[in-house]
Amino acid sequence: MKLKKLYVFVEGIDDVMFVENIFFPILMRYYNDIDVIQYAQMKKLKTNKLIDSIGTLGFDYLILADIDQEPSFNHKRKVIQDRFPVAELRNIVIVISEIES
């Protein structure tokens, strides 16, 4: 059986706890292993290299972000893609209200 691994990039520790408590039970039905990575503290170059490596290895990833003060869902996705140009748009998930709420 092929290893199905998912990397979930989140902004902060509250987001890590949310993903681990809410999404893990659901996602573990589809993945053998899930890693949550906080990207807010990481340098852009390091995060982009990590995303590129994950894609090269054939693993899945999601980048979760709060909409914060951005005017629209699409604008926030563009902001995230500008920060991480190696990320595919379909892998960027914007949450309308703050995740930790």
PDB file of N, CA and C in Angstrom:
ATOM      1  N   MET A   1       0.840  -1.184   0.000  1.00  0.00           N
ATOM      2  CA  MET A   1       0.000   0.000   0.000  1.00  0.00           C
ATOM      3  C   MET A   1       0.883   1.244   0.000  1.00  0.00           C
ATOM      4  N   LYS A   2       0.584   2.169  -0.868  1.00  0.00           N
ATOM      5  CA  LYS A   2       1.359   3.395  -0.994  1.00  0.00           C
ATOM      6  C   LYS A   2       1.098   4.310   0.197  1.00  0.00           C
ATOM      7  N   LEU A   3       2.166   4.951   0.694  1.00  0.00           N
ATOM      8  CA  LEU A   3       2.044   5.897   1.795  1.00  0.00           C
ATOM      9  C   LEU A   3       1.303   7.135   1.319  1.00  0.00           C
ATOM     10  N   LYS A   4       0.220   7.455   1.973  1.00  0.00           N
ATOM     11  CA  LYS A   4      -0.542   8.672   1.682  1.00  0.00           C
ATOM     12  C   LYS A   4      -0.251   9.646   2.811  1.00  0.00           C
ATOM     13  N   LYS A   5       0.493  10.695   2.500  1.00  0.00           N
ATOM     14  CA  LYS A   5       0.913  11.664   3.504  1.00  0.00           C
ATOM     15  C   LYS A   5       0.364  13.033   3.139  1.00  0.00           C
ATOM     16  N   LEU A   6      -0.069  13.756   4.166  1.00  0.00           N
ATOM     17  CA  LEU A   6      -0.606  15.101   3.994  1.00  0.00           C
ATOM     18  C   LEU A   6       0.137  16.054   4.904  1.00  0.00           C
ATOM     19  N   TYR A   7       0.517  17.184   4.350  1.00  0.00           N
ATOM     20  CA  TYR A   7       1.095  18.272   5.124  1.00  0.00           C
ATOM     21  C   TYR A   7       0.069  19.395   5.158  1.00  0.00           C
ATOM     22  N   VAL A   8      -0.211  19.900   6.350  1.00  0.00           N
ATOM     23  CA  VAL A   8      -1.153  21.002   6.502  1.00  0.00           C
ATOM     24  C   VAL A   8      -0.379  22.187   7.060  1.00  0.00           C
ATOM     25  N   PHE A   9      -0.285  23.243   6.270  1.00  0.00           N
ATOM     26  CA  PHE A   9       0.395  24.462   6.695  1.00  0.00           C
ATOM     27  C   PHE A   9      -0.634  25.391   7.333  1.00  0.00           C
ATOM     28  N   VAL A  10      -0.334  25.841   8.544  1.00  0.00           N
ATOM     29  CA  VAL A  10      -1.224  26.743   9.274  1.00  0.00           C
ATOM     30  C   VAL A  10      -0.413  27.923   9.788  1.00  0.00           C
ATOM     31  N   GLU A  11      -1.128  28.985  10.190  1.00  0.00           N
ATOM     32  CA  GLU A  11      -0.445  30.202  10.619  1.00  0.00           C
ATOM     33  C   GLU A  11       0.124  30.099  12.035  1.00  0.00           C
ATOM     34  N   GLY A  12      -0.643  29.629  13.000  1.00  0.00           N
ATOM     35  CA  GLY A  12      -0.194  29.675  14.384  1.00  0.00           C
ATOM     36  C   GLY A  12      -0.588  28.457  15.196  1.00  0.00           C
ATOM     37  N   ILE A  13      -0.232  28.496  16.485  1.00  0.00           N
ATOM     38  CA  ILE A  13      -0.464  27.357  17.378  1.00  0.00           C
ATOM     39  C   ILE A  13      -1.955  27.063  17.578  1.00  0.00           C
ATOM     40  N   ASP A  14      -2.789  28.089  17.627  1.00  0.00           N
ATOM     41  CA  ASP A  14      -4.231  27.848  17.757  1.00  0.00           C
ATOM     42  C   ASP A  14      -4.761  27.076  16.556  1.00  0.00           C
ATOM     43  N   ASP A  15      -4.221  27.390  15.396  1.00  0.00           N
ATOM     44  CA  ASP A  15      -4.621  26.691  14.173  1.00  0.00           C
ATOM     45  C   ASP A  15      -4.163  25.234  14.195  1.00  0.00           C
ATOM     46  N   VAL A  16      -2.971  24.995  14.758  1.00  0.00           N
ATOM     47  CA  VAL A  16      -2.467  23.622  14.894  1.00  0.00           C
ATOM     48  C   VAL A  16      -3.434  22.806  15.741  1.00  0.00           C
ATOM     49  N   MET A  17      -3.824  23.355  16.877  1.00  0.00           N
ATOM     50  CA  MET A  17      -4.743  22.634  17.774  1.00  0.00           C
ATOM     51  C   MET A  17      -6.083  22.384  17.103  1.00  0.00           C
ATOM     52  N   PHE A  18      -6.572  23.361  16.355  1.00  0.00           N
ATOM     53  CA  PHE A  18      -7.841  23.206  15.641  1.00  0.00           C
ATOM     54  C   PHE A  18      -7.748  22.060  14.637  1.00  0.00           C
ATOM     55  N   VAL A  19      -6.705  22.064  13.822  1.00  0.00           N
ATOM     56  CA  VAL A  19      -6.540  21.023  12.802  1.00  0.00           C
ATOM     57  C   VAL A  19      -6.401  19.650  13.453  1.00  0.00           C
ATOM     58  N   GLU A  20      -5.573  19.571  14.498  1.00  0.00           N
ATOM     59  CA  GLU A  20      -5.357  18.281  15.145  1.00  0.00           C
ATOM     60  C   GLU A  20      -6.624  17.733  15.796  1.00  0.00           C
ATOM     61  N   ASN A  21      -7.439  18.603  16.365  1.00  0.00           N
ATOM     62  CA  ASN A  21      -8.644  18.141  17.069  1.00  0.00           C
ATOM     63  C   ASN A  21      -9.865  17.961  16.171  1.00  0.00           C
ATOM     64  N   ILE A  22      -9.975  18.751  15.137  1.00  0.00           N
ATOM     65  CA  ILE A  22     -11.175  18.710  14.282  1.00  0.00           C
ATOM     66  C   ILE A  22     -10.930  17.917  12.993  1.00  0.00           C
ATOM     67  N   PHE A  23      -9.855  18.206  12.284  1.00  0.00           N
ATOM     68  CA  PHE A  23      -9.632  17.600  10.978  1.00  0.00           C
ATOM     69  C   PHE A  23      -8.953  16.239  11.014  1.00  0.00           C
ATOM     70  N   PHE A  24      -8.072  16.003  11.988  1.00  0.00           N
ATOM     71  CA  PHE A  24      -7.345  14.732  12.015  1.00  0.00           C
ATOM     72  C   PHE A  24      -8.265  13.515  11.956  1.00  0.00           C
ATOM     73  N   PRO A  25      -9.303  13.454  12.783  1.00  0.00           N
ATOM     74  CA  PRO A  25     -10.163  12.257  12.725  1.00  0.00           C
ATOM     75  C   PRO A  25     -10.768  12.017  11.332  1.00  0.00           C
ATOM     76  N   ILE A  26     -11.071  13.085  10.641  1.00  0.00           N
ATOM     77  CA  ILE A  26     -11.652  12.966   9.300  1.00  0.00           C
ATOM     78  C   ILE A  26     -10.579  12.601   8.277  1.00  0.00           C
ATOM     79  N   LEU A  27      -9.457  13.329   8.323  1.00  0.00           N
ATOM     80  CA  LEU A  27      -8.404  13.135   7.333  1.00  0.00           C
ATOM     81  C   LEU A  27      -7.673  11.809   7.476  1.00  0.00           C
ATOM     82  N   MET A  28      -7.628  11.258   8.683  1.00  0.00           N
ATOM     83  CA  MET A  28      -6.921   9.988   8.890  1.00  0.00           C
ATOM     84  C   MET A  28      -7.626   8.823   8.189  1.00  0.00           C
ATOM     85  N   ARG A  29      -8.836   9.033   7.711  1.00  0.00           N
ATOM     86  CA  ARG A  29      -9.517   8.028   6.894  1.00  0.00           C
ATOM     87  C   ARG A  29      -8.860   7.905   5.518  1.00  0.00           C
ATOM     88  N   TYR A  30      -8.198   8.992   5.088  1.00  0.00           N
ATOM     89  CA  TYR A  30      -7.647   9.054   3.736  1.00  0.00           C
ATOM     90  C   TYR A  30      -6.117   9.065   3.698  1.00  0.00           C
ATOM     91  N   TYR A  31      -5.495   9.360   4.824  1.00  0.00           N
ATOM     92  CA  TYR A  31      -4.036   9.485   4.874  1.00  0.00           C
ATOM     93  C   TYR A  31      -3.457   8.606   5.972  1.00  0.00           C
ATOM     94  N   ASN A  32      -2.260   8.058   5.702  1.00  0.00           N
ATOM     95  CA  ASN A  32      -1.551   7.278   6.710  1.00  0.00           C
ATOM     96  C   ASN A  32      -0.861   8.179   7.720  1.00  0.00           C
ATOM     97  N   ASP A  33      -0.473   9.367   7.287  1.00  0.00           N
ATOM     98  CA  ASP A  33       0.284  10.276   8.137  1.00  0.00           C
ATOM     99  C   ASP A  33      -0.066  11.719   7.782  1.00  0.00           C
ATOM    100  N   ILE A  34      -0.173  12.553   8.803  1.00  0.00           N
ATOM    101  CA  ILE A  34      -0.465  13.972   8.609  1.00  0.00           C
ATOM    102  C   ILE A  34       0.495  14.769   9.478  1.00  0.00           C
ATOM    103  N   ASP A  35       1.147  15.761   8.872  1.00  0.00           N
ATOM    104  CA  ASP A  35       2.002  16.682   9.614  1.00  0.00           C
ATOM    105  C   ASP A  35       1.418  18.082   9.506  1.00  0.00           C
ATOM    106  N   VAL A  36       1.402  18.788  10.631  1.00  0.00           N
ATOM    107  CA  VAL A  36       0.949  20.174  10.653  1.00  0.00           C
ATOM    108  C   VAL A  36       2.184  21.051  10.837  1.00  0.00           C
ATOM    109  N   ILE A  37       2.311  22.060   9.983  1.00  0.00           N
ATOM    110  CA  ILE A  37       3.476  22.937   9.983  1.00  0.00           C
ATOM    111  C   ILE A  37       3.007  24.384  10.122  1.00  0.00           C
ATOM    112  N   GLN A  38       3.582  25.092  11.096  1.00  0.00           N
ATOM    113  CA  GLN A  38       3.283  26.513  11.259  1.00  0.00           C
ATOM    114  C   GLN A  38       4.185  27.313  10.320  1.00  0.00           C
ATOM    115  N   TYR A  39       3.583  28.048   9.399  1.00  0.00           N
ATOM    116  CA  TYR A  39       4.390  28.782   8.434  1.00  0.00           C
ATOM    117  C   TYR A  39       4.612  30.243   8.780  1.00  0.00           C
ATOM    118  N   ALA A  40       3.852  30.790   9.703  1.00  0.00           N
ATOM    119  CA  ALA A  40       3.957  32.214  10.014  1.00  0.00           C
ATOM    120  C   ALA A  40       5.346  32.599  10.517  1.00  0.00           C
ATOM    121  N   GLN A  41       5.998  31.690  11.225  1.00  0.00           N
ATOM    122  CA  GLN A  41       7.319  31.966  11.778  1.00  0.00           C
ATOM    123  C   GLN A  41       8.459  31.591  10.837  1.00  0.00           C
ATOM    124  N   MET A  42       8.139  30.924   9.750  1.00  0.00           N
ATOM    125  CA  MET A  42       9.178  30.438   8.826  1.00  0.00           C
ATOM    126  C   MET A  42       9.490  31.497   7.770  1.00  0.00           C
ATOM    127  N   LYS A  43      10.709  31.473   7.289  1.00  0.00           N
ATOM    128  CA  LYS A  43      11.085  32.344   6.184  1.00  0.00           C
ATOM    129  C   LYS A  43      10.383  31.853   4.910  1.00  0.00           C
ATOM    130  N   LYS A  44      10.015  32.810   4.062  1.00  0.00           N
ATOM    131  CA  LYS A  44       9.298  32.471   2.824  1.00  0.00           C
ATOM    132  C   LYS A  44      10.074  31.469   1.976  1.00  0.00           C
ATOM    133  N   LEU A  45      11.372  31.683   1.848  1.00  0.00           N
ATOM    134  CA  LEU A  45      12.195  30.803   1.015  1.00  0.00           C
ATOM    135  C   LEU A  45      12.160  29.372   1.534  1.00  0.00           C
ATOM    136  N   LYS A  46      12.273  29.210   2.842  1.00  0.00           N
ATOM    137  CA  LYS A  46      12.255  27.873   3.436  1.00  0.00           C
ATOM    138  C   LYS A  46      10.901  27.197   3.211  1.00  0.00           C
ATOM    139  N   THR A  47       9.824  27.944   3.395  1.00  0.00           N
ATOM    140  CA  THR A  47       8.482  27.390   3.204  1.00  0.00           C
ATOM    141  C   THR A  47       8.267  27.000   1.743  1.00  0.00           C
ATOM    142  N   ASN A  48       8.707  27.848   0.815  1.00  0.00           N
ATOM    143  CA  ASN A  48       8.568  27.533  -0.606  1.00  0.00           C
ATOM    144  C   ASN A  48       9.358  26.283  -0.986  1.00  0.00           C
ATOM    145  N   LYS A  49      10.557  26.138  -0.441  1.00  0.00           N
ATOM    146  CA  LYS A  49      11.350  24.940  -0.726  1.00  0.00           C
ATOM    147  C   LYS A  49      10.673  23.697  -0.169  1.00  0.00           C
ATOM    148  N   LEU A  50      10.090  23.819   1.016  1.00  0.00           N
ATOM    149  CA  LEU A  50       9.389  22.685   1.623  1.00  0.00           C
ATOM    150  C   LEU A  50       8.170  22.289   0.789  1.00  0.00           C
ATOM    151  N   ILE A  51       7.391  23.263   0.351  1.00  0.00           N
ATOM    152  CA  ILE A  51       6.221  22.985  -0.489  1.00  0.00           C
ATOM    153  C   ILE A  51       6.657  22.316  -1.798  1.00  0.00           C
ATOM    154  N   ASP A  52       7.720  22.822  -2.388  1.00  0.00           N
ATOM    155  CA  ASP A  52       8.232  22.248  -3.631  1.00  0.00           C
ATOM    156  C   ASP A  52       8.678  20.799  -3.418  1.00  0.00           C
ATOM    157  N   SER A  53       9.357  20.535  -2.318  1.00  0.00           N
ATOM    158  CA  SER A  53       9.817  19.174  -2.006  1.00  0.00           C
ATOM    159  C   SER A  53       8.641  18.221  -1.799  1.00  0.00           C
ATOM    160  N   ILE A  54       7.633  18.696  -1.108  1.00  0.00           N
ATOM    161  CA  ILE A  54       6.445  17.874  -0.855  1.00  0.00           C
ATOM    162  C   ILE A  54       5.804  17.476  -2.188  1.00  0.00           C
ATOM    163  N   GLY A  55       5.677  18.446  -3.084  1.00  0.00           N
ATOM    164  CA  GLY A  55       5.114  18.151  -4.398  1.00  0.00           C
ATOM    165  C   GLY A  55       5.964  17.180  -5.193  1.00  0.00           C
ATOM    166  N   THR A  56       7.279  17.356  -5.125  1.00  0.00           N
ATOM    167  CA  THR A  56       8.198  16.467  -5.837  1.00  0.00           C
ATOM    168  C   THR A  56       8.079  15.029  -5.339  1.00  0.00           C
ATOM    169  N   LEU A  57       7.893  14.873  -4.033  1.00  0.00           N
ATOM    170  CA  LEU A  57       7.758  13.539  -3.445  1.00  0.00           C
ATOM    171  C   LEU A  57       6.386  12.907  -3.712  1.00  0.00           C
ATOM    172  N   GLY A  58       5.461  13.703  -4.231  1.00  0.00           N
ATOM    173  CA  GLY A  58       4.139  13.178  -4.555  1.00  0.00           C
ATOM    174  C   GLY A  58       3.173  13.163  -3.384  1.00  0.00           C
ATOM    175  N   PHE A  59       3.500  13.894  -2.324  1.00  0.00           N
ATOM    176  CA  PHE A  59       2.591  13.979  -1.180  1.00  0.00           C
ATOM    177  C   PHE A  59       1.634  15.154  -1.367  1.00  0.00           C
ATOM    178  N   ASP A  60       0.577  15.159  -0.602  1.00  0.00           N
ATOM    179  CA  ASP A  60      -0.420  16.219  -0.666  1.00  0.00           C
ATOM    180  C   ASP A  60      -0.120  17.283   0.382  1.00  0.00           C
ATOM    181  N   TYR A  61      -0.608  18.493   0.117  1.00  0.00           N
ATOM    182  CA  TYR A  61      -0.482  19.559   1.112  1.00  0.00           C
ATOM    183  C   TYR A  61      -1.655  20.523   0.978  1.00  0.00           C
ATOM    184  N   LEU A  62      -1.944  21.185   2.077  1.00  0.00           N
ATOM    185  CA  LEU A  62      -2.936  22.257   2.126  1.00  0.00           C
ATOM    186  C   LEU A  62      -2.308  23.432   2.859  1.00  0.00           C
ATOM    187  N   ILE A  63      -2.638  24.623   2.427  1.00  0.00           N
ATOM    188  CA  ILE A  63      -2.228  25.819   3.145  1.00  0.00           C
ATOM    189  C   ILE A  63      -3.508  26.473   3.645  1.00  0.00           C
ATOM    190  N   LEU A  64      -3.692  26.497   4.966  1.00  0.00           N
ATOM    191  CA  LEU A  64      -4.870  27.109   5.565  1.00  0.00           C
ATOM    192  C   LEU A  64      -4.541  28.520   6.030  1.00  0.00           C
ATOM    193  N   ALA A  65      -5.436  29.453   5.778  1.00  0.00           N
ATOM    194  CA  ALA A  65      -5.228  30.839   6.215  1.00  0.00           C
ATOM    195  C   ALA A  65      -6.569  31.476   6.554  1.00  0.00           C
ATOM    196  N   ASP A  66      -6.538  32.327   7.566  1.00  0.00           N
ATOM    197  CA  ASP A  66      -7.721  33.126   7.896  1.00  0.00           C
ATOM    198  C   ASP A  66      -7.843  34.242   6.862  1.00  0.00           C
ATOM    199  N   ILE A  67      -9.058  34.686   6.589  1.00  0.00           N
ATOM    200  CA  ILE A  67      -9.247  35.769   5.628  1.00  0.00           C
ATOM    201  C   ILE A  67      -8.750  37.095   6.191  1.00  0.00           C
ATOM    202  N   ASP A  68      -8.724  37.222   7.521  1.00  0.00           N
ATOM    203  CA  ASP A  68      -8.253  38.428   8.210  1.00  0.00           C
ATOM    204  C   ASP A  68      -8.954  39.662   7.655  1.00  0.00           C
ATOM    205  N   GLN A  69      -8.181  40.665   7.288  1.00  0.00           N
ATOM    206  CA  GLN A  69      -8.757  41.937   6.840  1.00  0.00           C
ATOM    207  C   GLN A  69      -8.862  42.066   5.317  1.00  0.00           C
ATOM    208  N   GLU A  70      -8.584  40.992   4.618  1.00  0.00           N
ATOM    209  CA  GLU A  70      -8.643  41.053   3.154  1.00  0.00           C
ATOM    210  C   GLU A  70     -10.093  41.231   2.693  1.00  0.00           C
ATOM    211  N   PRO A  71     -10.299  41.927   1.584  1.00  0.00           N
ATOM    212  CA  PRO A  71     -11.661  42.233   1.144  1.00  0.00           C
ATOM    213  C   PRO A  71     -12.461  41.049   0.595  1.00  0.00           C
ATOM    214  N   SER A  72     -11.751  40.012   0.147  1.00  0.00           N
ATOM    215  CA  SER A  72     -12.476  38.878  -0.424  1.00  0.00           C
ATOM    216  C   SER A  72     -11.655  37.599  -0.307  1.00  0.00           C
ATOM    217  N   PHE A  73     -12.349  36.503  -0.482  1.00  0.00           N
ATOM    218  CA  PHE A  73     -11.757  35.175  -0.477  1.00  0.00           C
ATOM    219  C   PHE A  73     -10.669  35.073  -1.544  1.00  0.00           C
ATOM    220  N   ASN A  74     -10.997  35.499  -2.768  1.00  0.00           N
ATOM    221  CA  ASN A  74     -10.047  35.402  -3.884  1.00  0.00           C
ATOM    222  C   ASN A  74      -8.824  36.285  -3.672  1.00  0.00           C
ATOM    223  N   HIS A  75      -9.024  37.451  -3.091  1.00  0.00           N
ATOM    224  CA  HIS A  75      -7.894  38.346  -2.833  1.00  0.00           C
ATOM    225  C   HIS A  75      -6.944  37.717  -1.821  1.00  0.00           C
ATOM    226  N   LYS A  76      -7.456  37.106  -0.785  1.00  0.00           N
ATOM    227  CA  LYS A  76      -6.610  36.465   0.222  1.00  0.00           C
ATOM    228  C   LYS A  76      -5.843  35.287  -0.387  1.00  0.00           C
ATOM    229  N   ARG A  77      -6.504  34.513  -1.238  1.00  0.00           N
ATOM    230  CA  ARG A  77      -5.808  33.401  -1.911  1.00  0.00           C
ATOM    231  C   ARG A  77      -4.649  33.933  -2.746  1.00  0.00           C
ATOM    232  N   LYS A  78      -4.852  35.071  -3.399  1.00  0.00           N
ATOM    233  CA  LYS A  78      -3.797  35.691  -4.200  1.00  0.00           C
ATOM    234  C   LYS A  78      -2.654  36.157  -3.300  1.00  0.00           C
ATOM    235  N   VAL A  79      -2.966  36.717  -2.140  1.00  0.00           N
ATOM    236  CA  VAL A  79      -1.938  37.150  -1.191  1.00  0.00           C
ATOM    237  C   VAL A  79      -1.084  35.960  -0.760  1.00  0.00           C
ATOM    238  N   ILE A  80      -1.734  34.839  -0.456  1.00  0.00           N
ATOM    239  CA  ILE A  80      -1.013  33.635  -0.043  1.00  0.00           C
ATOM    240  C   ILE A  80      -0.179  33.092  -1.206  1.00  0.00           C
ATOM    241  N   GLN A  81      -0.739  33.095  -2.400  1.00  0.00           N
ATOM    242  CA  GLN A  81       0.012  32.587  -3.555  1.00  0.00           C
ATOM    243  C   GLN A  81       1.190  33.503  -3.887  1.00  0.00           C
ATOM    244  N   ASP A  82       1.057  34.792  -3.660  1.00  0.00           N
ATOM    245  CA  ASP A  82       2.190  35.704  -3.866  1.00  0.00           C
ATOM    246  C   ASP A  82       3.305  35.400  -2.869  1.00  0.00           C
ATOM    247  N   ARG A  83       2.923  35.027  -1.656  1.00  0.00           N
ATOM    248  CA  ARG A  83       3.917  34.691  -0.630  1.00  0.00           C
ATOM    249  C   ARG A  83       4.580  33.348  -0.923  1.00  0.00           C
ATOM    250  N   PHE A  84       3.782  32.403  -1.444  1.00  0.00           N
ATOM    251  CA  PHE A  84       4.282  31.059  -1.733  1.00  0.00           C
ATOM    252  C   PHE A  84       4.007  30.722  -3.202  1.00  0.00           C
ATOM    253  N   PRO A  85       4.791  31.271  -4.117  1.00  0.00           N
ATOM    254  CA  PRO A  85       4.506  31.075  -5.547  1.00  0.00           C
ATOM    255  C   PRO A  85       4.592  29.630  -6.027  1.00  0.00           C
ATOM    256  N   VAL A  86       5.262  28.762  -5.292  1.00  0.00           N
ATOM    257  CA  VAL A  86       5.331  27.353  -5.711  1.00  0.00           C
ATOM    258  C   VAL A  86       4.044  26.599  -5.381  1.00  0.00           C
ATOM    259  N   ALA A  87       3.203  27.184  -4.526  1.00  0.00           N
ATOM    260  CA  ALA A  87       1.954  26.528  -4.126  1.00  0.00           C
ATOM    261  C   ALA A  87       0.925  26.609  -5.245  1.00  0.00           C
ATOM    262  N   GLU A  88       0.193  25.519  -5.403  1.00  0.00           N
ATOM    263  CA  GLU A  88      -0.888  25.523  -6.383  1.00  0.00           C
ATOM    264  C   GLU A  88      -2.123  26.142  -5.752  1.00  0.00           C
ATOM    265  N   LEU A  89      -2.839  26.921  -6.528  1.00  0.00           N
ATOM    266  CA  LEU A  89      -4.007  27.647  -6.034  1.00  0.00           C
ATOM    267  C   LEU A  89      -5.038  26.710  -5.412  1.00  0.00           C
ATOM    268  N   ARG A  90      -5.198  25.516  -5.961  1.00  0.00           N
ATOM    269  CA  ARG A  90      -6.192  24.567  -5.454  1.00  0.00           C
ATOM    270  C   ARG A  90      -5.841  24.043  -4.059  1.00  0.00           C
ATOM    271  N   ASN A  91      -4.594  24.243  -3.618  1.00  0.00           N
ATOM    272  CA  ASN A  91      -4.159  23.756  -2.312  1.00  0.00           C
ATOM    273  C   ASN A  91      -4.236  24.831  -1.233  1.00  0.00           C
ATOM    274  N   ILE A  92      -4.696  26.015  -1.587  1.00  0.00           N
ATOM    275  CA  ILE A  92      -4.826  27.115  -0.632  1.00  0.00           C
ATOM    276  C   ILE A  92      -6.276  27.199  -0.189  1.00  0.00           C
ATOM    277  N   VAL A  93      -6.486  27.050   1.118  1.00  0.00           N
ATOM    278  CA  VAL A  93      -7.832  27.048   1.681  1.00  0.00           C
ATOM    279  C   VAL A  93      -7.975  28.271   2.591  1.00  0.00           C
ATOM    280  N   ILE A  94      -8.950  29.103   2.307  1.00  0.00           N
ATOM    281  CA  ILE A  94      -9.182  30.300   3.100  1.00  0.00           C
ATOM    282  C   ILE A  94     -10.399  30.082   3.982  1.00  0.00           C
ATOM    283  N   VAL A  95     -10.217  30.395   5.266  1.00  0.00           N
ATOM    284  CA  VAL A  95     -11.292  30.262   6.239  1.00  0.00           C
ATOM    285  C   VAL A  95     -11.880  31.652   6.456  1.00  0.00           C
ATOM    286  N   ILE A  96     -13.187  31.757   6.338  1.00  0.00           N
ATOM    287  CA  ILE A  96     -13.834  33.063   6.408  1.00  0.00           C
ATOM    288  C   ILE A  96     -13.683  33.716   7.771  1.00  0.00           C
ATOM    289  N   SER A  97     -13.947  33.007   8.848  1.00  0.00           N
ATOM    290  CA  SER A  97     -13.683  33.577  10.168  1.00  0.00           C
ATOM    291  C   SER A  97     -12.408  32.949  10.696  1.00  0.00           C
ATOM    292  N   GLU A  98     -11.828  33.556  11.717  1.00  0.00           N
ATOM    293  CA  GLU A  98     -10.573  33.024  12.228  1.00  0.00           C
ATOM    294  C   GLU A  98     -10.725  31.571  12.623  1.00  0.00           C
ATOM    295  N   ILE A  99      -9.758  30.760  12.259  1.00  0.00           N
ATOM    296  CA  ILE A  99      -9.796  29.330  12.514  1.00  0.00           C
ATOM    297  C   ILE A  99      -9.980  29.044  14.002  1.00  0.00           C
ATOM    298  N   GLU A 100      -9.238  29.756  14.831  1.00  0.00           N
ATOM    299  CA  GLU A 100      -9.304  29.473  16.258  1.00  0.00           C
ATOM    300  C   GLU A 100     -10.621  29.871  16.915  1.00  0.00           C
ATOM    301  N   SER A 101     -11.474  30.602  16.184  1.00  0.00           N
ATOM    302  CA  SER A 101     -12.791  30.930  16.729  1.00  0.00           C
ATOM    303  C   SER A 101     -13.573  29.658  16.847  1.00  0.00           C
TER     304      SER A 101
END
